C-alpha atoms as a PDB file:
ATOM      1  CA  MET A   1      -4.794   8.441  13.296  1.00  0.00           C
ATOM      2  CA  LYS A   2      -6.556   6.115  10.411  1.00  0.00           C
ATOM      3  CA  LEU A   3      -4.894   5.155   7.516  1.00  0.00           C
ATOM      4  CA  TYR A   4      -6.647   3.879   4.288  1.00  0.00           C
ATOM      5  CA  HIS A   5      -6.437   0.151   2.697  1.00  0.00           C
ATOM      6  CA  TYR A   6      -8.349  -2.113   0.605  1.00  0.00           C
ATOM      7  CA  ILE A   7      -8.329  -5.440   0.382  1.00  0.00           C
ATOM      8  CA  THR A   8     -10.168  -7.197  -2.572  1.00  0.00           C
ATOM      9  CA  LYS A   9     -14.676  -8.376  -1.504  1.00  0.00           C
ATOM     10  CA  GLY A  10     -15.101 -11.198  -0.418  1.00  0.00           C
ATOM     11  CA  ASN A  11     -12.547 -10.713   2.446  1.00  0.00           C
ATOM     12  CA  ASP A  12     -12.740 -11.895   5.686  1.00  0.00           C
ATOM     13  CA  ALA A  13     -10.505  -9.304   7.039  1.00  0.00           C
ATOM     14  CA  LEU A  14     -13.201  -8.723   9.517  1.00  0.00           C
ATOM     15  CA  GLN A  15     -12.755 -11.606  11.284  1.00  0.00           C
ATOM     16  CA  LYS A  16      -8.846 -12.392  10.172  1.00  0.00           C
ATOM     17  CA  GLY A  17      -8.087  -9.771  10.327  1.00  0.00           C
ATOM     18  CA  ILE A  18      -5.729  -7.789   7.745  1.00  0.00           C
ATOM     19  CA  LEU A  19      -3.059  -9.940   5.712  1.00  0.00           C
ATOM     20  CA  SER A  20       0.234  -9.018   4.249  1.00  0.00           C
ATOM     21  CA  PHE A  21       1.816 -10.122   1.545  1.00  0.00           C
ATOM     22  CA  ALA A  22       3.627 -12.972   3.722  1.00  0.00           C
ATOM     23  CA  ASN A  23       0.631 -14.206   4.896  1.00  0.00           C
ATOM     24  CA  ASN A  24      -2.182 -14.129   2.035  1.00  0.00           C
ATOM     25  CA  PRO A  25      -0.571 -17.298  -0.071  1.00  0.00           C
ATOM     26  CA  ASN A  26      -3.264 -16.377  -2.216  1.00  0.00           C
ATOM     27  CA  ALA A  27      -2.448 -12.960  -3.170  1.00  0.00           C
ATOM     28  CA  ASP A  28      -1.995 -11.739  -6.592  1.00  0.00           C
ATOM     29  CA  LEU A  29       1.133 -12.804  -7.798  1.00  0.00           C
ATOM     30  CA  HIS A  30       0.835 -11.415 -10.741  1.00  0.00           C
ATOM     31  CA  TYR A  31       1.668  -7.739  -9.969  1.00  0.00           C
ATOM     32  CA  TYR A  32       4.904  -9.097  -8.614  1.00  0.00           C
ATOM     33  CA  TYR A  33       6.855 -11.030 -11.346  1.00  0.00           C
ATOM     34  CA  LYS A  34       8.386  -8.319 -13.650  1.00  0.00           C
ATOM     35  CA  ARG A  35       8.573  -6.079  -9.857  1.00  0.00           C
ATOM     36  CA  SER A  36      11.135  -8.960  -7.808  1.00  0.00           C
ATOM     37  CA  GLY A  37      12.942  -9.906 -11.093  1.00  0.00           C
ATOM     38  CA  GLY A  38      11.195 -12.548 -12.137  1.00  0.00           C
ATOM     39  CA  LYS A  39      10.347 -14.439  -9.177  1.00  0.00           C
ATOM     40  CA  THR A  40       7.188 -16.625  -9.710  1.00  0.00           C
ATOM     41  CA  THR A  41       6.396 -18.675  -6.743  1.00  0.00           C
ATOM     42  CA  HIS A  42       4.970 -16.637  -3.667  1.00  0.00           C
ATOM     43  CA  ALA A  43       7.923 -17.716  -1.295  1.00  0.00           C
ATOM     44  CA  GLU A  44       9.833 -16.532  -3.918  1.00  0.00           C
ATOM     45  CA  ILE A  45       8.077 -13.064  -4.069  1.00  0.00           C
ATOM     46  CA  VAL A  46       8.149 -12.721   0.279  1.00  0.00           C
ATOM     47  CA  LYS A  47      11.659 -13.110   0.185  1.00  0.00           C
ATOM     48  CA  TRP A  48      12.918 -10.374  -2.638  1.00  0.00           C
ATOM     49  CA  MET A  49      10.260  -8.542  -0.799  1.00  0.00           C
ATOM     50  CA  GLU A  50      12.376  -9.439   2.751  1.00  0.00           C
ATOM     51  CA  SER A  51      15.343  -8.253   0.662  1.00  0.00           C
ATOM     52  CA  CYS A  52      14.522  -4.856   0.126  1.00  0.00           C
ATOM     53  CA  PHE A  53      14.737  -4.011   3.628  1.00  0.00           C
ATOM     54  CA  VAL A  54      13.613  -6.363   6.972  1.00  0.00           C
ATOM     55  CA  GLY A  55       9.197  -6.538   7.704  1.00  0.00           C
ATOM     56  CA  ARG A  56       8.573  -6.075   3.420  1.00  0.00           C
ATOM     57  CA  SER A  57       6.842  -8.606   2.998  1.00  0.00           C
ATOM     58  CA  ARG A  58       5.125  -7.734   6.805  1.00  0.00           C
ATOM     59  CA  ALA A  59       3.811  -4.549   5.452  1.00  0.00           C
ATOM     60  CA  VAL A  60       0.413  -3.436   4.314  1.00  0.00           C
ATOM     61  CA  ARG A  61      -0.159  -0.410   2.867  1.00  0.00           C
ATOM     62  CA  ALA A  62      -2.542   2.709   3.747  1.00  0.00           C
ATOM     63  CA  PHE A  63      -3.240   5.832   2.565  1.00  0.00           C
ATOM     64  CA  SER A  64      -3.441   8.960   4.315  1.00  0.00           C
ATOM     65  CA  GLU A  65      -7.556   9.270   2.840  1.00  0.00           C
ATOM     66  CA  PRO A  66      -9.922   7.040   0.794  1.00  0.00           C
ATOM     67  CA  ILE A  67      -8.996   6.975  -3.364  1.00  0.00           C
ATOM     68  CA  GLN A  68     -10.679   9.866  -5.798  1.00  0.00           C
ATOM     69  CA  TRP A  69     -10.156   9.152  -9.220  1.00  0.00           C
ATOM     70  CA  THR A  70     -10.109  11.982 -11.839  1.00  0.00           C
ATOM     71  CA  ASP A  71     -11.042  11.512 -16.079  1.00  0.00           C
ATOM     72  CA  LYS A  72      -7.856  10.872 -16.543  1.00  0.00           C
ATOM     73  CA  SER A  73      -7.381   7.958 -13.920  1.00  0.00           C
ATOM     74  CA  GLU A  74     -11.377   6.871 -13.388  1.00  0.00           C
ATOM     75  CA  LYS A  75      -9.958   2.853 -15.828  1.00  0.00           C
ATOM     76  CA  MET A  76      -7.610   2.857 -13.353  1.00  0.00           C
ATOM     77  CA  PHE A  77      -9.228   3.920  -9.794  1.00  0.00           C
ATOM     78  CA  LYS A  78     -12.783   3.092 -10.415  1.00  0.00           C
ATOM     79  CA  THR A  79     -13.030  -0.682 -10.860  1.00  0.00           C
ATOM     80  CA  PHE A  80      -9.636  -0.964  -8.205  1.00  0.00           C
ATOM     81  CA  THR A  81     -12.276   0.694  -5.677  1.00  0.00           C
ATOM     82  CA  GLU A  82     -15.528  -0.378  -6.644  1.00  0.00           C
ATOM     83  CA  ASN A  83     -13.570  -4.395  -6.498  1.00  0.00           C
ATOM     84  CA  ALA A  84     -13.044  -3.471  -3.008  1.00  0.00           C
ATOM     85  CA  ASP A  85     -14.401  -2.911   0.502  1.00  0.00           C
ATOM     86  CA  LEU A  86     -12.685   0.026   1.810  1.00  0.00           C
ATOM     87  CA  PHE A  87     -10.632  -0.016   5.828  1.00  0.00           C
ATOM     88  CA  ALA A  88      -9.976   2.171   8.174  1.00  0.00           C
ATOM     89  CA  ILE A  89      -7.003   1.430  10.384  1.00  0.00           C
ATOM     90  CA  ASP A  90      -6.744   2.943  14.331  1.00  0.00           C
ATOM     91  CA  VAL A  91      -2.677   3.156  12.972  1.00  0.00           C
ATOM     92  CA  SER A  92      -2.538   4.890  16.345  1.00  0.00           C
ATOM     93  CA  ALA A  93      -3.904   2.359  18.531  1.00  0.00           C
ATOM     94  CA  LEU A  94      -1.124  -1.068  16.456  1.00  0.00           C
ATOM     95  CA  ASN A  95       1.625   1.567  17.969  1.00  0.00           C
ATOM     96  CA  ASN A  96       0.078   2.424  21.782  1.00  0.00           C
ATOM     97  CA  ASP A  97      -0.386  -1.707  21.411  1.00  0.00           C
ATOM     98  CA  GLY A  98       3.663  -1.822  20.089  1.00  0.00           C
ATOM     99  CA  LEU A  99       2.482  -4.301  16.952  1.00  0.00           C
ATOM    100  CA  LEU A 100       3.792  -1.751  14.260  1.00  0.00           C
ATOM    101  CA  GLU A 101       7.524  -1.886  13.895  1.00  0.00           C
ATOM    102  CA  ALA A 102       8.001   0.578  11.422  1.00  0.00           C
ATOM    103  CA  ILE A 103       5.843   2.930   9.067  1.00  0.00           C
ATOM    104  CA  TYR A 104       8.053   4.115   5.480  1.00  0.00           C
ATOM    105  CA  LEU A 105       6.709   7.267   3.224  1.00  0.00           C
ATOM    106  CA  SER A 106       6.411   6.484  -0.545  1.00  0.00           C
ATOM    107  CA  PRO A 107       6.228  10.670  -1.825  1.00  0.00           C
ATOM    108  CA  ALA A 108       4.367  11.505  -4.578  1.00  0.00           C
ATOM    109  CA  LEU A 109       6.892  10.813  -7.452  1.00  0.00           C
ATOM    110  CA  LYS A 110       6.402  14.398  -9.995  1.00  0.00           C
ATOM    111  CA  PRO A 111       7.257  12.630 -13.473  1.00  0.00           C
ATOM    112  CA  ASP A 112       7.454  15.381 -16.105  1.00  0.00           C
ATOM    113  CA  LEU A 113       6.705  14.795 -19.483  1.00  0.00           C
ATOM    114  CA  ASP A 114       9.438  14.997 -21.497  1.00  0.00           C
ATOM    115  CA  LYS A 115       9.992  11.060 -19.526  1.00  0.00           C
ATOM    116  CA  LYS A 116      13.308  11.962 -17.513  1.00  0.00           C
ATOM    117  CA  ILE A 117      11.970   9.955 -14.767  1.00  0.00           C
ATOM    118  CA  PRO A 118      12.105   5.954 -15.867  1.00  0.00           C
ATOM    119  CA  GLN A 119       8.525   5.508 -15.524  1.00  0.00           C
ATOM    120  CA  ASN A 120       8.975   1.378 -14.610  1.00  0.00           C
ATOM    121  CA  VAL A 121      10.362   2.696 -11.155  1.00  0.00           C
ATOM    122  CA  ASP A 122       9.197   0.615  -8.419  1.00  0.00           C
ATOM    123  CA  GLU A 123       8.534   1.920  -4.884  1.00  0.00           C
ATOM    124  CA  VAL A 124      10.609   4.378  -3.120  1.00  0.00           C
ATOM    125  CA  LEU A 125      10.685   4.230   0.355  1.00  0.00           C
ATOM    126  CA  VAL A 126      11.266   6.533   3.281  1.00  0.00           C
ATOM    127  CA  LYS A 127      11.120   5.298   6.813  1.00  0.00           C
ATOM    128  CA  LEU A 128       9.826   7.935   9.534  1.00  0.00           C
ATOM    129  CA  ASN A 129      10.716   7.948  12.791  1.00  0.00           C
ATOM    130  CA  SER A 130       7.962   8.246  14.192  1.00  0.00           C
ATOM    131  CA  LEU A 131       3.881   8.898  13.526  1.00  0.00           C
ATOM    132  CA  ASP A 132       4.568  12.026  13.379  1.00  0.00           C
ATOM    133  CA  GLY A 133       6.062  12.105  10.031  1.00  0.00           C
ATOM    134  CA  VAL A 134       2.701  11.612   7.559  1.00  0.00           C
ATOM    135  CA  ASP A 135       0.832  13.941   6.623  1.00  0.00           C
ATOM    136  CA  LEU A 136      -2.654  13.945   6.455  1.00  0.00           C
ATOM    137  CA  SER A 137      -3.465  16.723   3.919  1.00  0.00           C
ATOM    138  CA  PRO A 138      -5.133  16.264   1.148  1.00  0.00           C
ATOM    139  CA  VAL A 139      -3.952  14.594  -1.815  1.00  0.00           C
ATOM    140  CA  ASP A 140      -3.888  15.946  -5.501  1.00  0.00           C
ATOM    141  CA  TRP A 141      -4.803  12.459  -6.959  1.00  0.00           C
ATOM    142  CA  SER A 142      -5.735  14.802 -10.085  1.00  0.00           C
ATOM    143  CA  VAL A 143      -1.658  14.121 -10.839  1.00  0.00           C
ATOM    144  CA  CYS A 144      -2.754   9.998 -11.545  1.00  0.00           C
ATOM    145  CA  ASP A 145      -2.793   9.348 -15.575  1.00  0.00           C
ATOM    146  CA  GLU A 146      -3.317   6.433 -16.333  1.00  0.00           C
ATOM    147  CA  SER A 147      -0.914   7.251 -20.512  1.00  0.00           C
ATOM    148  CA  LEU A 148       0.896   7.453 -17.254  1.00  0.00           C
ATOM    149  CA  GLY A 149       1.350   3.998 -16.344  1.00  0.00           C
ATOM    150  CA  LEU A 150       1.853   5.087 -13.239  1.00  0.00           C
ATOM    151  CA  ARG A 151      -1.255   4.060 -10.666  1.00  0.00           C
ATOM    152  CA  PHE A 152       0.081   5.089  -6.920  1.00  0.00           C
ATOM    153  CA  ALA A 153       3.894   6.213  -7.669  1.00  0.00           C
ATOM    154  CA  VAL A 154       2.735   9.826  -8.091  1.00  0.00           C
ATOM    155  CA  VAL A 155       0.130   9.620  -4.538  1.00  0.00           C
ATOM    156  CA  PRO A 156       1.814   9.342  -1.072  1.00  0.00           C
ATOM    157  CA  TYR A 157       1.097   6.141   0.472  1.00  0.00           C
ATOM    158  CA  TYR A 158       2.265   4.163   3.689  1.00  0.00           C
ATOM    159  CA  LEU A 159       4.150   0.578   4.454  1.00  0.00           C
ATOM    160  CA  LEU A 160       2.962  -0.227   7.855  1.00  0.00           C
ATOM    161  CA  VAL A 161       5.135  -2.853   8.321  1.00  0.00           C
ATOM    162  CA  ILE A 162       3.535  -4.885  11.000  1.00  0.00           C
ATOM    163  CA  LYS A 163       4.451  -7.610  14.034  1.00  0.00           C
ATOM    164  CA  GLY A 164       3.760 -10.591  13.273  1.00  0.00           C
ATOM    165  CA  GLY A 165       2.907  -9.404   9.933  1.00  0.00           C
ATOM    166  CA  VAL A 166      -1.626  -9.520   9.995  1.00  0.00           C
ATOM    167  CA  ILE A 167      -2.685  -6.103  11.391  1.00  0.00           C
ATOM    168  CA  PRO A 168      -5.878  -7.690  13.681  1.00  0.00           C
ATOM    169  CA  PRO A 169     -10.099  -6.861  13.803  1.00  0.00           C
ATOM    170  CA  LYS A 170      -9.990  -4.453  17.100  1.00  0.00           C
ATOM    171  CA  TYR A 171      -7.764  -1.959  14.894  1.00  0.00           C
ATOM    172  CA  ILE A 172     -10.103  -1.942  11.704  1.00  0.00           C
ATOM    173  CA  GLU A 173     -13.028  -0.607  10.276  1.00  0.00           C
ATOM    174  CA  LYS A 174     -14.682  -1.551   7.445  1.00  0.00           C
ATOM    175  CA  VAL A 175     -16.092   2.151   5.494  1.00  0.00           C
END
């Protein structure tokens, strides 16, 4: 089974692997300032992530397929994907070799246009019992609408909790 992950171009993932947040001191902290309640350092954000659940800081986000944008999401996704390299992760091999500690699903939220669901909602995560819970059916990318202010909350994605927090190069390939 393969899942997909994006890393900003100019990375060294094929030499050093895919780094989790905990193992990437150069990670962009901006995205996490508000979510973490105002934490401002890498160490503080790692600690906050671990307070969410054990292993959160060693997790890597993955999608069941490459991102596809529409007219409603082009500004949000086109630049993101054009400035990143796409990697396929052999999740089955990671699991078989004992490197996959846990896998969480962030199910697609279905925000209604009346805004009954808070638009600043943080990740909703469900721990899966096994890889059998991974849904590889096509993703409905048409629900991504930059006017809602929700980038990935409306499509399913996975968090792979990795022993050591690094997916070694032998488990990835550049797509």
